């Protein structure tokens, strides 16, 4: 005969009443969502994103200004007639305009009168200038068809034959210089962008290695219990994706606000010497819809590049851990 058990009987749920469901405790992320290292990395990414977007917007602005200059110069040519004893200047100007308009590809011709010529020379010679008292050349501005320009060499030869004191300037030298300047600006801007991206990649590599060094025991435990490398890399990838998205979004937003604020201030201070000089040199401080789209694209590229770099670094570090575990004697050959 068996003795009754001394264990207390398990509570039996009354009939018709279900047992309470077991609640699973939520899992915590492998890496903390916010720490000093993550905040510092976010600030660095924000600064780099701001510099990258600022460079991109500046290059876009200078390119549009150079294209505007090139378009304005290339659609006009200038005929210059030097004064000479016995030369009827008014008749020579009219004849030069007539000869130019006989060529296919010319649209219109305008003779720059004495008052307009005096205004052109006013910054250097002052006001109240009498053009007739000085040997000042006179100009004829010819508007041409950019898609079908005339034969400039033939026009120059005919003008020289009919009016020896005339000379034709098709502004090719200025156009070539503007194109060279635009190309140089684009190359410099591209170089700065590459430097910013390279610095960001190196920063992410060191930050990821630092995070792994501080949480190396977690990675080793996960490996010991059978977690795959892709799982650990994905967890780190998510962590750095959040940091990079926040940092790049902040930097890109600051760059967009900078251009918007600069454009607003420029529109409020028109007709001032400082604004006129800045507008003549850089154009309007507006990057347009394409510029803002480029800023958004730069933000996405920075976030993806940061995430991809973090994943590669994690996979490399896990490989080093596996190599060291399989053969401890090879620890000296692994990079720190």
Foldseek 3Di string as FASTA:
>chain_A
DDDDDPDDDDDDDDPPDDDDDDDDDDDDFLDDLDDPLLVVLLQLLLVLLLVLLLLLLLLLLQLVLLVVVLVVLQQKKKKKFWDDPPDPQVVLQVVLQVLVVVWPFWDHKDWQDPVNVQVVCCVPPNPPDDPVVDRDITMMMIGGHNVDHTDVVVSQVVSCVVHVRMGMGSCPVVSVVSVVVSVVSVVVSVVSNVVSLVVSLVSLLVSLVVSCVVSVVVVVVCVVVPNDLVVVLVSQLVSLLVSLLSSSVNNLVVNVVVLVVQLVVLVVDPPDPVSVVCCNNRNHSDSPPVSNVVSVVSSVVRSVSSSVSSSVSSSLVVVLVVVCVVPVVCVVVDDD
